[in-house]
Amino acid sequence: MLMLLYLLQIALAAPTLAIADLANHTGDTAFDGAGPGVAGILVSRFVGTGEIEVVERDALASLLSEQQLTVDRLTDARTAARAGRLLGADYLVMGELFSVRLPSISIALRVIDTETAEVVVSKDVVGQVGEDGQRFFELIDALSTEILAAMDLTLTDGHRLSEIEQRELNAVLRYGEDLLRVNLDHPMSLYRESDRDFDRDSTVRRGWAIYDKRGVPVPMPEFARRTGDRATQLEFLERGRRLRRSARINILLTSAYGAAGLGAFIGGGIAGDDLVKNGGAAVAGVAVIHLGANLIGQALKRSASKRPGTYYTPAEADRRIQTYNRSLQPVD
């Protein structure tokens, strides 16, 4: 009797679903945010049904880090099934964004039964999302339908998929980029802060900064050190040497003609030559202004040289942040 009740409980239990970030195989890093963006939206949609247990994205990210796996490594069904079982998931959803030729976007979707390692769905889902990606939500709807079919699940009355908040491609990309920036499990994780309207396709390198989870700014040399960018570290050191050398030369030259002007001012005063005296005063005054401007300029240059935005584009910085955050050991 107890065994029968146990089996009945298992049969009635809500299936558990894990959704991995889609891999970006388009060859265009501008779409790096699409994978985590789509996965994050799907997680929110299925959580809202009340009939499906969904593994938190952070739990999946921590497991991948612990097992030294990447999303690309999950293409093997056995590896994916093992990861899913460790998470307590019945199904693991994976996908690849492999073609973006607006108005069409193609995603290779795979759903793995973690108990048997069987690929229950392997399908290319093509969405007509509009010339500007304004109907991207239709592609997410199609993915949701395929996942429900793979789980052989029909939502009962009163239960339905949550509404999609990020309905356009650009909104999904921004959402995904935000998810990539922070590993919430570690205080030393990094994230990039910028204006919400920052042009993701821009090569402008300023207008943003990098912080760790504690809110402490991370200057460029520290960021380069953490992310293993030895070449940029050396470049920073060389730039620092050039700035210091330039500052010393400017100070010496400014001091020299400032001293000459002061000497002319004193000499003209002693000799009673107002022309020499006034000329010397003017030269000394200009020297003081020049010296002050040089000192301020050098300070600003040194400060600017420490900002990661001086060296990296936003896409480059995000890739380095993602790799670094995933390398951190999860906090117990």
C-alpha atoms as a PDB file:
ATOM      1  CA  MET A   1       0.000   0.000   0.000  1.00  0.00           C
ATOM      2  CA  LEU A   2       2.781   2.400   0.941  1.00  0.00           C
ATOM      3  CA  MET A   3       4.619   1.515  -2.258  1.00  0.00           C
ATOM      4  CA  LEU A   4       1.455   2.210  -4.262  1.00  0.00           C
ATOM      5  CA  LEU A   5       1.058   5.612  -2.606  1.00  0.00           C
ATOM      6  CA  TYR A   6       4.722   6.379  -3.265  1.00  0.00           C
ATOM      7  CA  LEU A   7       4.377   5.500  -6.949  1.00  0.00           C
ATOM      8  CA  LEU A   8       1.187   7.556  -7.170  1.00  0.00           C
ATOM      9  CA  GLN A   9       2.967  10.532  -5.611  1.00  0.00           C
ATOM     10  CA  ILE A  10       5.764  10.256  -8.139  1.00  0.00           C
ATOM     11  CA  ALA A  11       3.268  10.057 -10.993  1.00  0.00           C
ATOM     12  CA  LEU A  12       1.409  13.147  -9.793  1.00  0.00           C
ATOM     13  CA  ALA A  13       4.542  15.170  -8.973  1.00  0.00           C
ATOM     14  CA  ALA A  14       5.188  18.197 -11.147  1.00  0.00           C
ATOM     15  CA  PRO A  15       7.983  17.583 -13.664  1.00  0.00           C
ATOM     16  CA  THR A  16      11.190  19.515 -13.060  1.00  0.00           C
ATOM     17  CA  LEU A  17      12.718  21.478 -15.913  1.00  0.00           C
ATOM     18  CA  ALA A  18      16.219  22.976 -16.293  1.00  0.00           C
ATOM     19  CA  ILE A  19      16.890  25.466 -19.101  1.00  0.00           C
ATOM     20  CA  ALA A  20      20.466  26.176 -20.173  1.00  0.00           C
ATOM     21  CA  ASP A  21      21.562  29.382 -21.901  1.00  0.00           C
ATOM     22  CA  LEU A  22      21.412  29.095 -25.656  1.00  0.00           C
ATOM     23  CA  ALA A  23      24.844  28.950 -27.292  1.00  0.00           C
ATOM     24  CA  ASN A  24      25.585  31.711 -29.786  1.00  0.00           C
ATOM     25  CA  HIS A  25      26.793  30.003 -32.971  1.00  0.00           C
ATOM     26  CA  THR A  26      26.000  32.875 -35.318  1.00  0.00           C
ATOM     27  CA  GLY A  27      29.608  34.057 -35.356  1.00  0.00           C
ATOM     28  CA  ASP A  28      28.429  37.516 -34.301  1.00  0.00           C
ATOM     29  CA  THR A  29      29.213  38.499 -30.698  1.00  0.00           C
ATOM     30  CA  ALA A  30      26.473  41.130 -30.843  1.00  0.00           C
ATOM     31  CA  PHE A  31      24.067  38.253 -30.134  1.00  0.00           C
ATOM     32  CA  ASP A  32      25.874  36.898 -27.070  1.00  0.00           C
ATOM     33  CA  GLY A  33      23.059  38.232 -24.896  1.00  0.00           C
ATOM     34  CA  ALA A  34      20.364  36.344 -26.824  1.00  0.00           C
ATOM     35  CA  GLY A  35      21.181  32.955 -25.265  1.00  0.00           C
ATOM     36  CA  PRO A  36      20.826  33.891 -21.600  1.00  0.00           C
ATOM     37  CA  GLY A  37      18.020  36.304 -22.482  1.00  0.00           C
ATOM     38  CA  VAL A  38      15.851  33.615 -24.095  1.00  0.00           C
ATOM     39  CA  ALA A  39      16.682  31.108 -21.342  1.00  0.00           C
ATOM     40  CA  GLY A  40      15.822  33.627 -18.630  1.00  0.00           C
ATOM     41  CA  ILE A  41      12.480  34.457 -20.251  1.00  0.00           C
ATOM     42  CA  LEU A  42      11.613  30.761 -20.657  1.00  0.00           C
ATOM     43  CA  VAL A  43      12.405  30.142 -16.982  1.00  0.00           C
ATOM     44  CA  SER A  44      10.057  32.970 -15.974  1.00  0.00           C
ATOM     45  CA  ARG A  45       7.320  31.669 -18.280  1.00  0.00           C
ATOM     46  CA  PHE A  46       7.362  28.119 -16.945  1.00  0.00           C
ATOM     47  CA  VAL A  47       7.674  29.164 -13.306  1.00  0.00           C
ATOM     48  CA  GLY A  48       4.430  31.074 -13.716  1.00  0.00           C
ATOM     49  CA  THR A  49       2.433  27.993 -14.741  1.00  0.00           C
ATOM     50  CA  GLY A  50       2.361  26.505 -11.243  1.00  0.00           C
ATOM     51  CA  GLU A  51       2.460  23.032 -12.823  1.00  0.00           C
ATOM     52  CA  ILE A  52       6.177  22.806 -13.588  1.00  0.00           C
ATOM     53  CA  GLU A  53       9.117  22.988 -11.201  1.00  0.00           C
ATOM     54  CA  VAL A  54      11.918  25.011 -12.766  1.00  0.00           C
ATOM     55  CA  VAL A  55      15.575  24.941 -11.721  1.00  0.00           C
ATOM     56  CA  GLU A  56      16.897  28.414 -10.928  1.00  0.00           C
ATOM     57  CA  ARG A  57      19.340  29.789 -13.472  1.00  0.00           C
ATOM     58  CA  ASP A  58      21.925  30.473 -10.747  1.00  0.00           C
ATOM     59  CA  ALA A  59      21.826  26.831  -9.637  1.00  0.00           C
ATOM     60  CA  LEU A  60      22.557  25.689 -13.198  1.00  0.00           C
ATOM     61  CA  ALA A  61      25.387  28.245 -13.566  1.00  0.00           C
ATOM     62  CA  SER A  62      26.936  27.113 -10.263  1.00  0.00           C
ATOM     63  CA  LEU A  63      26.786  23.458 -11.322  1.00  0.00           C
ATOM     64  CA  LEU A  64      28.430  24.185 -14.679  1.00  0.00           C
ATOM     65  CA  SER A  65      31.215  26.068 -12.901  1.00  0.00           C
ATOM     66  CA  GLU A  66      31.666  23.314 -10.332  1.00  0.00           C
ATOM     67  CA  GLN A  67      31.780  20.593 -13.003  1.00  0.00           C
ATOM     68  CA  GLN A  68      34.003  22.781 -15.228  1.00  0.00           C
ATOM     69  CA  LEU A  69      31.434  22.640 -18.005  1.00  0.00           C
ATOM     70  CA  THR A  70      30.295  25.252 -20.505  1.00  0.00           C
ATOM     71  CA  VAL A  71      27.066  25.535 -22.450  1.00  0.00           C
ATOM     72  CA  ASP A  72      28.885  24.271 -25.555  1.00  0.00           C
ATOM     73  CA  ARG A  73      29.979  21.132 -23.646  1.00  0.00           C
ATOM     74  CA  LEU A  74      26.322  20.265 -23.000  1.00  0.00           C
ATOM     75  CA  THR A  75      25.832  19.309 -26.638  1.00  0.00           C
ATOM     76  CA  ASP A  76      26.608  15.720 -25.633  1.00  0.00           C
ATOM     77  CA  ALA A  77      23.334  14.124 -24.475  1.00  0.00           C
ATOM     78  CA  ARG A  78      24.962  11.974 -21.764  1.00  0.00           C
ATOM     79  CA  THR A  79      26.828  14.951 -20.282  1.00  0.00           C
ATOM     80  CA  ALA A  80      23.657  17.036 -20.392  1.00  0.00           C
ATOM     81  CA  ALA A  81      21.611  14.246 -18.780  1.00  0.00           C
ATOM     82  CA  ARG A  82      24.172  13.881 -15.971  1.00  0.00           C
ATOM     83  CA  ALA A  83      24.085  17.630 -15.316  1.00  0.00           C
ATOM     84  CA  GLY A  84      20.281  17.542 -15.292  1.00  0.00           C
ATOM     85  CA  ARG A  85      20.183  14.659 -12.797  1.00  0.00           C
ATOM     86  CA  LEU A  86      22.582  16.488 -10.482  1.00  0.00           C
ATOM     87  CA  LEU A  87      20.124  19.385 -10.515  1.00  0.00           C
ATOM     88  CA  GLY A  88      17.159  17.094  -9.839  1.00  0.00           C
ATOM     89  CA  ALA A  89      15.662  17.927 -13.231  1.00  0.00           C
ATOM     90  CA  ASP A  90      13.579  15.517 -15.288  1.00  0.00           C
ATOM     91  CA  TYR A  91      14.254  17.433 -18.502  1.00  0.00           C
ATOM     92  CA  LEU A  92      17.085  19.679 -19.648  1.00  0.00           C
ATOM     93  CA  VAL A  93      16.488  22.202 -22.421  1.00  0.00           C
ATOM     94  CA  MET A  94      19.396  23.278 -24.608  1.00  0.00           C
ATOM     95  CA  GLY A  95      19.613  25.286 -27.764  1.00  0.00           C
ATOM     96  CA  GLU A  96      21.803  27.050 -30.266  1.00  0.00           C
ATOM     97  CA  LEU A  97      21.163  30.378 -31.933  1.00  0.00           C
ATOM     98  CA  PHE A  98      22.666  29.575 -35.336  1.00  0.00           C
ATOM     99  CA  SER A  99      21.154  31.968 -37.854  1.00  0.00           C
ATOM    100  CA  VAL A 100      20.050  35.588 -37.635  1.00  0.00           C
ATOM    101  CA  ARG A 101      18.957  36.994 -40.960  1.00  0.00           C
ATOM    102  CA  LEU A 102      16.141  39.341 -40.084  1.00  0.00           C
ATOM    103  CA  PRO A 103      13.240  38.961 -40.365  1.00  0.00           C
ATOM    104  CA  SER A 104      14.120  35.269 -39.676  1.00  0.00           C
ATOM    105  CA  ILE A 105      15.900  33.826 -36.639  1.00  0.00           C
ATOM    106  CA  SER A 106      16.671  30.108 -36.321  1.00  0.00           C
ATOM    107  CA  ILE A 107      17.264  28.211 -33.079  1.00  0.00           C
ATOM    108  CA  ALA A 108      18.258  24.543 -32.813  1.00  0.00           C
ATOM    109  CA  LEU A 109      16.258  23.242 -29.846  1.00  0.00           C
ATOM    110  CA  ARG A 110      17.022  20.039 -27.942  1.00  0.00           C
ATOM    111  CA  VAL A 111      15.194  18.610 -24.945  1.00  0.00           C
ATOM    112  CA  ILE A 112      16.916  15.789 -23.020  1.00  0.00           C
ATOM    113  CA  ASP A 113      15.197  13.251 -20.782  1.00  0.00           C
ATOM    114  CA  THR A 114      17.751  13.168 -17.959  1.00  0.00           C
ATOM    115  CA  GLU A 115      16.803   9.684 -16.766  1.00  0.00           C
ATOM    116  CA  THR A 116      17.395   7.974 -20.103  1.00  0.00           C
ATOM    117  CA  ALA A 117      19.675  10.556 -21.816  1.00  0.00           C
ATOM    118  CA  GLU A 118      17.230  10.361 -24.727  1.00  0.00           C
ATOM    119  CA  VAL A 119      16.857  13.403 -26.954  1.00  0.00           C
ATOM    120  CA  VAL A 120      13.070  13.685 -26.930  1.00  0.00           C
ATOM    121  CA  VAL A 121      13.044  16.766 -29.150  1.00  0.00           C
ATOM    122  CA  SER A 122      15.636  17.876 -31.683  1.00  0.00           C
ATOM    123  CA  LYS A 123      14.194  20.541 -33.912  1.00  0.00           C
ATOM    124  CA  ASP A 124      15.101  23.726 -35.718  1.00  0.00           C
ATOM    125  CA  VAL A 125      12.638  26.396 -34.661  1.00  0.00           C
ATOM    126  CA  VAL A 126      12.444  29.282 -37.135  1.00  0.00           C
ATOM    127  CA  GLY A 127      10.712  32.498 -36.151  1.00  0.00           C
ATOM    128  CA  GLN A 128       9.601  35.350 -38.374  1.00  0.00           C
ATOM    129  CA  VAL A 129      10.354  38.153 -35.933  1.00  0.00           C
ATOM    130  CA  GLY A 130      10.073  41.213 -38.173  1.00  0.00           C
ATOM    131  CA  GLU A 131      12.623  43.416 -39.898  1.00  0.00           C
ATOM    132  CA  ASP A 132      13.703  44.960 -36.565  1.00  0.00           C
ATOM    133  CA  GLY A 133      13.052  41.945 -34.351  1.00  0.00           C
ATOM    134  CA  GLN A 134       9.890  43.544 -32.984  1.00  0.00           C
ATOM    135  CA  ARG A 135       8.023  40.198 -32.928  1.00  0.00           C
ATOM    136  CA  PHE A 136      10.722  38.161 -31.191  1.00  0.00           C
ATOM    137  CA  PHE A 137       8.117  37.049 -28.631  1.00  0.00           C
ATOM    138  CA  GLU A 138       6.566  34.832 -31.316  1.00  0.00           C
ATOM    139  CA  LEU A 139       9.782  32.801 -31.478  1.00  0.00           C
ATOM    140  CA  ILE A 140       9.751  32.386 -27.682  1.00  0.00           C
ATOM    141  CA  ASP A 141       6.111  31.254 -27.917  1.00  0.00           C
ATOM    142  CA  ALA A 142       7.128  28.622 -30.465  1.00  0.00           C
ATOM    143  CA  LEU A 143       9.975  27.395 -28.225  1.00  0.00           C
ATOM    144  CA  SER A 144       7.604  27.191 -25.243  1.00  0.00           C
ATOM    145  CA  THR A 145       5.143  25.077 -27.241  1.00  0.00           C
ATOM    146  CA  GLU A 146       7.875  22.661 -28.329  1.00  0.00           C
ATOM    147  CA  ILE A 147       9.128  22.263 -24.746  1.00  0.00           C
ATOM    148  CA  LEU A 148       5.626  21.519 -23.432  1.00  0.00           C
ATOM    149  CA  ALA A 149       5.161  18.934 -26.194  1.00  0.00           C
ATOM    150  CA  ALA A 150       8.497  17.309 -25.311  1.00  0.00           C
ATOM    151  CA  MET A 151       7.355  16.938 -21.695  1.00  0.00           C
ATOM    152  CA  ASP A 152       4.012  15.528 -22.913  1.00  0.00           C
ATOM    153  CA  LEU A 153       2.332  18.118 -20.718  1.00  0.00           C
ATOM    154  CA  THR A 154      -0.943  19.972 -21.264  1.00  0.00           C
ATOM    155  CA  LEU A 155      -1.581  22.848 -18.895  1.00  0.00           C
ATOM    156  CA  THR A 156      -4.860  22.496 -17.021  1.00  0.00           C
ATOM    157  CA  ASP A 157      -7.535  25.164 -16.632  1.00  0.00           C
ATOM    158  CA  GLY A 158      -6.328  28.172 -14.679  1.00  0.00           C
ATOM    159  CA  HIS A 159      -2.686  27.472 -15.501  1.00  0.00           C
ATOM    160  CA  ARG A 160      -0.938  29.146 -18.385  1.00  0.00           C
ATOM    161  CA  LEU A 161       2.432  30.416 -19.450  1.00  0.00           C
ATOM    162  CA  SER A 162       3.372  33.842 -18.083  1.00  0.00           C
ATOM    163  CA  GLU A 163       3.280  36.836 -20.379  1.00  0.00           C
ATOM    164  CA  ILE A 164       6.519  37.773 -22.127  1.00  0.00           C
ATOM    165  CA  GLU A 165       7.818  41.126 -20.892  1.00  0.00           C
ATOM    166  CA  GLN A 166      10.817  41.421 -23.234  1.00  0.00           C
ATOM    167  CA  ARG A 167       8.977  41.192 -26.558  1.00  0.00           C
ATOM    168  CA  GLU A 168      11.525  42.705 -28.974  1.00  0.00           C
ATOM    169  CA  LEU A 169      14.942  41.369 -29.957  1.00  0.00           C
ATOM    170  CA  ASN A 170      16.846  44.379 -28.594  1.00  0.00           C
ATOM    171  CA  ALA A 171      15.059  44.094 -25.232  1.00  0.00           C
ATOM    172  CA  VAL A 172      15.949  40.380 -25.043  1.00  0.00           C
ATOM    173  CA  LEU A 173      19.584  41.157 -25.859  1.00  0.00           C
ATOM    174  CA  ARG A 174      19.806  43.796 -23.115  1.00  0.00           C
ATOM    175  CA  TYR A 175      18.133  41.453 -20.635  1.00  0.00           C
ATOM    176  CA  GLY A 176      20.543  38.661 -21.527  1.00  0.00           C
ATOM    177  CA  GLU A 177      23.557  40.953 -21.262  1.00  0.00           C
ATOM    178  CA  ASP A 178      22.436  41.930 -17.759  1.00  0.00           C
ATOM    179  CA  LEU A 179      22.210  38.243 -16.801  1.00  0.00           C
ATOM    180  CA  LEU A 180      25.717  37.602 -18.119  1.00  0.00           C
ATOM    181  CA  ARG A 181      27.250  40.335 -16.017  1.00  0.00           C
ATOM    182  CA  VAL A 182      26.619  39.043 -12.533  1.00  0.00           C
ATOM    183  CA  ASN A 183      27.414  35.771 -10.791  1.00  0.00           C
ATOM    184  CA  LEU A 184      25.175  36.255  -7.753  1.00  0.00           C
ATOM    185  CA  ASP A 185      26.887  33.477  -5.790  1.00  0.00           C
ATOM    186  CA  HIS A 186      30.253  35.192  -5.333  1.00  0.00           C
ATOM    187  CA  PRO A 187      31.212  38.536  -3.733  1.00  0.00           C
ATOM    188  CA  MET A 188      34.167  38.923  -6.107  1.00  0.00           C
ATOM    189  CA  SER A 189      32.040  38.566  -9.230  1.00  0.00           C
ATOM    190  CA  LEU A 190      32.136  41.456 -11.674  1.00  0.00           C
ATOM    191  CA  TYR A 191      29.515  43.364 -13.581  1.00  0.00           C
ATOM    192  CA  ARG A 192      29.564  46.236 -16.044  1.00  0.00           C
ATOM    193  CA  GLU A 193      27.362  49.220 -15.355  1.00  0.00           C
ATOM    194  CA  SER A 194      26.264  51.474 -18.190  1.00  0.00           C
ATOM    195  CA  ASP A 195      23.309  53.514 -19.314  1.00  0.00           C
ATOM    196  CA  ARG A 196      20.288  51.368 -20.193  1.00  0.00           C
ATOM    197  CA  ASP A 197      20.180  53.003 -23.629  1.00  0.00           C
ATOM    198  CA  PHE A 198      23.846  52.258 -24.358  1.00  0.00           C
ATOM    199  CA  ASP A 199      24.257  51.308 -28.027  1.00  0.00           C
ATOM    200  CA  ARG A 200      25.332  47.659 -27.929  1.00  0.00           C
ATOM    201  CA  ASP A 201      26.767  47.910 -31.477  1.00  0.00           C
ATOM    202  CA  SER A 202      28.866  50.951 -30.660  1.00  0.00           C
ATOM    203  CA  THR A 203      32.634  50.760 -30.467  1.00  0.00           C
ATOM    204  CA  VAL A 204      32.702  53.723 -28.086  1.00  0.00           C
ATOM    205  CA  ARG A 205      34.801  52.615 -25.149  1.00  0.00           C
ATOM    206  CA  ARG A 206      33.752  55.103 -22.491  1.00  0.00           C
ATOM    207  CA  GLY A 207      30.532  55.696 -20.608  1.00  0.00           C
ATOM    208  CA  TRP A 208      30.690  52.621 -18.380  1.00  0.00           C
ATOM    209  CA  ALA A 209      32.619  51.145 -15.473  1.00  0.00           C
ATOM    210  CA  ILE A 210      33.203  47.776 -13.838  1.00  0.00           C
ATOM    211  CA  TYR A 211      32.368  46.909 -10.228  1.00  0.00           C
ATOM    212  CA  ASP A 212      32.452  43.819  -8.081  1.00  0.00           C
ATOM    213  CA  LYS A 213      29.348  42.599  -6.286  1.00  0.00           C
ATOM    214  CA  ARG A 214      30.264  44.691  -3.223  1.00  0.00           C
ATOM    215  CA  GLY A 215      29.940  47.828  -5.372  1.00  0.00           C
ATOM    216  CA  VAL A 216      33.693  48.528  -5.356  1.00  0.00           C
ATOM    217  CA  PRO A 217      35.009  50.013  -8.645  1.00  0.00           C
ATOM    218  CA  VAL A 218      37.547  47.795 -10.416  1.00  0.00           C
ATOM    219  CA  PRO A 219      40.245  49.833 -12.230  1.00  0.00           C
ATOM    220  CA  MET A 220      41.631  48.677 -15.553  1.00  0.00           C
ATOM    221  CA  PRO A 221      44.889  47.066 -14.357  1.00  0.00           C
ATOM    222  CA  GLU A 222      43.002  45.050 -11.724  1.00  0.00           C
ATOM    223  CA  PHE A 223      40.375  44.038 -14.273  1.00  0.00           C
ATOM    224  CA  ALA A 224      43.102  42.974 -16.724  1.00  0.00           C
ATOM    225  CA  ARG A 225      44.854  41.023 -13.946  1.00  0.00           C
ATOM    226  CA  ARG A 226      41.692  39.182 -12.907  1.00  0.00           C
ATOM    227  CA  THR A 227      40.768  38.293 -16.473  1.00  0.00           C
ATOM    228  CA  GLY A 228      44.284  37.187 -17.430  1.00  0.00           C
ATOM    229  CA  ASP A 229      44.901  39.913 -20.002  1.00  0.00           C
ATOM    230  CA  ARG A 230      48.680  40.140 -19.670  1.00  0.00           C
ATOM    231  CA  ALA A 231      49.094  42.187 -22.848  1.00  0.00           C
ATOM    232  CA  THR A 232      46.818  44.948 -21.563  1.00  0.00           C
ATOM    233  CA  GLN A 233      48.551  44.894 -18.180  1.00  0.00           C
ATOM    234  CA  LEU A 234      51.884  45.531 -19.918  1.00  0.00           C
ATOM    235  CA  GLU A 235      50.292  48.195 -22.115  1.00  0.00           C
ATOM    236  CA  PHE A 236      48.944  49.922 -19.017  1.00  0.00           C
ATOM    237  CA  LEU A 237      52.371  49.853 -17.336  1.00  0.00           C
ATOM    238  CA  GLU A 238      54.002  51.260 -20.474  1.00  0.00           C
ATOM    239  CA  ARG A 239      51.332  53.963 -20.765  1.00  0.00           C
ATOM    240  CA  GLY A 240      51.886  54.851 -17.124  1.00  0.00           C
ATOM    241  CA  ARG A 241      55.623  55.207 -17.724  1.00  0.00           C
ATOM    242  CA  ARG A 242      54.991  57.437 -20.743  1.00  0.00           C
ATOM    243  CA  LEU A 243      52.608  59.624 -18.753  1.00  0.00           C
ATOM    244  CA  ARG A 244      55.100  60.014 -15.899  1.00  0.00           C
ATOM    245  CA  ARG A 245      57.945  60.795 -18.329  1.00  0.00           C
ATOM    246  CA  SER A 246      55.811  63.350 -20.174  1.00  0.00           C
ATOM    247  CA  ALA A 247      54.769  64.924 -16.873  1.00  0.00           C
ATOM    248  CA  ARG A 248      58.387  65.306 -15.743  1.00  0.00           C
ATOM    249  CA  ILE A 249      59.441  66.885 -19.049  1.00  0.00           C
ATOM    250  CA  ASN A 250      56.513  69.332 -18.989  1.00  0.00           C
ATOM    251  CA  ILE A 251      57.232  70.315 -15.399  1.00  0.00           C
ATOM    252  CA  LEU A 252      60.931  70.856 -16.131  1.00  0.00           C
ATOM    253  CA  LEU A 253      60.261  72.986 -19.245  1.00  0.00           C
ATOM    254  CA  THR A 254      57.512  74.991 -17.551  1.00  0.00           C
ATOM    255  CA  SER A 255      59.688  75.524 -14.484  1.00  0.00           C
ATOM    256  CA  ALA A 256      62.590  76.639 -16.677  1.00  0.00           C
ATOM    257  CA  TYR A 257      60.725  79.359 -18.537  1.00  0.00           C
ATOM    258  CA  GLY A 258      58.840  80.263 -15.380  1.00  0.00           C
ATOM    259  CA  ALA A 259      62.167  80.773 -13.619  1.00  0.00           C
ATOM    260  CA  ALA A 260      63.416  82.811 -16.581  1.00  0.00           C
ATOM    261  CA  GLY A 261      60.321  85.025 -16.407  1.00  0.00           C
ATOM    262  CA  LEU A 262      60.711  85.475 -12.658  1.00  0.00           C
ATOM    263  CA  GLY A 263      64.371  86.363 -13.176  1.00  0.00           C
ATOM    264  CA  ALA A 264      63.434  88.931 -15.817  1.00  0.00           C
ATOM    265  CA  PHE A 265      60.796  90.389 -13.485  1.00  0.00           C
ATOM    266  CA  ILE A 266      63.306  90.765 -10.628  1.00  0.00           C
ATOM    267  CA  GLY A 267      66.084  92.038 -12.936  1.00  0.00           C
ATOM    268  CA  GLY A 268      63.774  94.551 -14.599  1.00  0.00           C
ATOM    269  CA  GLY A 269      62.668  95.803 -11.202  1.00  0.00           C
ATOM    270  CA  ILE A 270      66.241  96.302 -10.043  1.00  0.00           C
ATOM    271  CA  ALA A 271      67.242  98.015 -13.300  1.00  0.00           C
ATOM    272  CA  GLY A 272      64.091 100.096 -13.394  1.00  0.00           C
ATOM    273  CA  ASP A 273      63.173  98.705 -16.810  1.00  0.00           C
ATOM    274  CA  ASP A 274      59.394  98.432 -16.770  1.00  0.00           C
ATOM    275  CA  LEU A 275      59.254  96.665 -20.141  1.00  0.00           C
ATOM    276  CA  VAL A 276      61.514  93.833 -18.989  1.00  0.00           C
ATOM    277  CA  LYS A 277      59.775  93.724 -15.631  1.00  0.00           C
ATOM    278  CA  ASN A 278      56.280  93.470 -17.120  1.00  0.00           C
ATOM    279  CA  GLY A 279      57.410  90.949 -19.725  1.00  0.00           C
ATOM    280  CA  GLY A 280      58.992  88.794 -17.031  1.00  0.00           C
ATOM    281  CA  ALA A 281      55.800  88.975 -14.954  1.00  0.00           C
ATOM    282  CA  ALA A 282      53.720  87.897 -17.949  1.00  0.00           C
ATOM    283  CA  VAL A 283      56.021  84.968 -18.717  1.00  0.00           C
ATOM    284  CA  ALA A 284      56.037  83.854 -15.067  1.00  0.00           C
ATOM    285  CA  GLY A 285      52.230  84.105 -14.898  1.00  0.00           C
ATOM    286  CA  VAL A 286      51.795  82.031 -18.058  1.00  0.00           C
ATOM    287  CA  ALA A 287      54.247  79.481 -16.655  1.00  0.00           C
ATOM    288  CA  VAL A 288      52.213  79.130 -13.469  1.00  0.00           C
ATOM    289  CA  ILE A 289      48.972  78.669 -15.460  1.00  0.00           C
ATOM    290  CA  HIS A 290      50.677  76.208 -17.800  1.00  0.00           C
ATOM    291  CA  LEU A 291      52.101  74.248 -14.881  1.00  0.00           C
ATOM    292  CA  GLY A 292      48.691  74.040 -13.199  1.00  0.00           C
ATOM    293  CA  ALA A 293      47.009  72.955 -16.433  1.00  0.00           C
ATOM    294  CA  ASN A 294      49.700  70.312 -16.996  1.00  0.00           C
ATOM    295  CA  LEU A 295      49.272  68.887 -13.506  1.00  0.00           C
ATOM    296  CA  ILE A 296      45.478  68.735 -13.868  1.00  0.00           C
ATOM    297  CA  GLY A 297      45.771  67.221 -17.351  1.00  0.00           C
ATOM    298  CA  GLN A 298      48.203  64.551 -16.203  1.00  0.00           C
ATOM    299  CA  ALA A 299      45.945  63.665 -13.271  1.00  0.00           C
ATOM    300  CA  LEU A 300      42.961  63.310 -15.612  1.00  0.00           C
ATOM    301  CA  LYS A 301      44.976  61.167 -18.033  1.00  0.00           C
ATOM    302  CA  ARG A 302      46.130  58.875 -15.245  1.00  0.00           C
ATOM    303  CA  SER A 303      42.556  58.553 -14.018  1.00  0.00           C
ATOM    304  CA  ALA A 304      41.230  57.862 -17.526  1.00  0.00           C
ATOM    305  CA  SER A 305      43.923  55.275 -18.199  1.00  0.00           C
ATOM    306  CA  LYS A 306      42.649  53.226 -15.243  1.00  0.00           C
ATOM    307  CA  ARG A 307      39.125  52.946 -16.614  1.00  0.00           C
ATOM    308  CA  PRO A 308      38.448  49.665 -18.444  1.00  0.00           C
ATOM    309  CA  GLY A 309      36.441  51.604 -20.998  1.00  0.00           C
ATOM    310  CA  THR A 310      39.687  53.140 -22.208  1.00  0.00           C
ATOM    311  CA  TYR A 311      40.875  49.705 -23.334  1.00  0.00           C
ATOM    312  CA  TYR A 312      37.857  47.480 -24.028  1.00  0.00           C
ATOM    313  CA  THR A 313      34.679  47.752 -26.037  1.00  0.00           C
ATOM    314  CA  PRO A 314      31.512  46.773 -24.116  1.00  0.00           C
ATOM    315  CA  ALA A 315      31.332  43.424 -25.932  1.00  0.00           C
ATOM    316  CA  GLU A 316      34.972  42.625 -25.126  1.00  0.00           C
ATOM    317  CA  ALA A 317      34.485  43.526 -21.470  1.00  0.00           C
ATOM    318  CA  ASP A 318      31.293  41.438 -21.208  1.00  0.00           C
ATOM    319  CA  ARG A 319      33.031  38.369 -22.645  1.00  0.00           C
ATOM    320  CA  ARG A 320      35.859  38.739 -20.124  1.00  0.00           C
ATOM    321  CA  ILE A 321      33.414  39.285 -17.251  1.00  0.00           C
ATOM    322  CA  GLN A 322      31.407  36.204 -18.225  1.00  0.00           C
ATOM    323  CA  THR A 323      34.518  34.000 -18.399  1.00  0.00           C
ATOM    324  CA  TYR A 324      35.873  35.353 -15.108  1.00  0.00           C
ATOM    325  CA  ASN A 325      32.575  34.977 -13.214  1.00  0.00           C
ATOM    326  CA  ARG A 326      32.189  31.399 -14.399  1.00  0.00           C
ATOM    327  CA  SER A 327      35.715  30.607 -13.185  1.00  0.00           C
ATOM    328  CA  LEU A 328      34.869  31.578  -9.590  1.00  0.00           C
ATOM    329  CA  GLN A 329      34.245  28.766  -7.171  1.00  0.00           C
ATOM    330  CA  PRO A 330      30.649  28.839  -5.844  1.00  0.00           C
ATOM    331  CA  VAL A 331      30.246  30.120  -2.317  1.00  0.00           C
ATOM    332  CA  ASP A 332      28.976  27.503   0.159  1.00  0.00           C
END
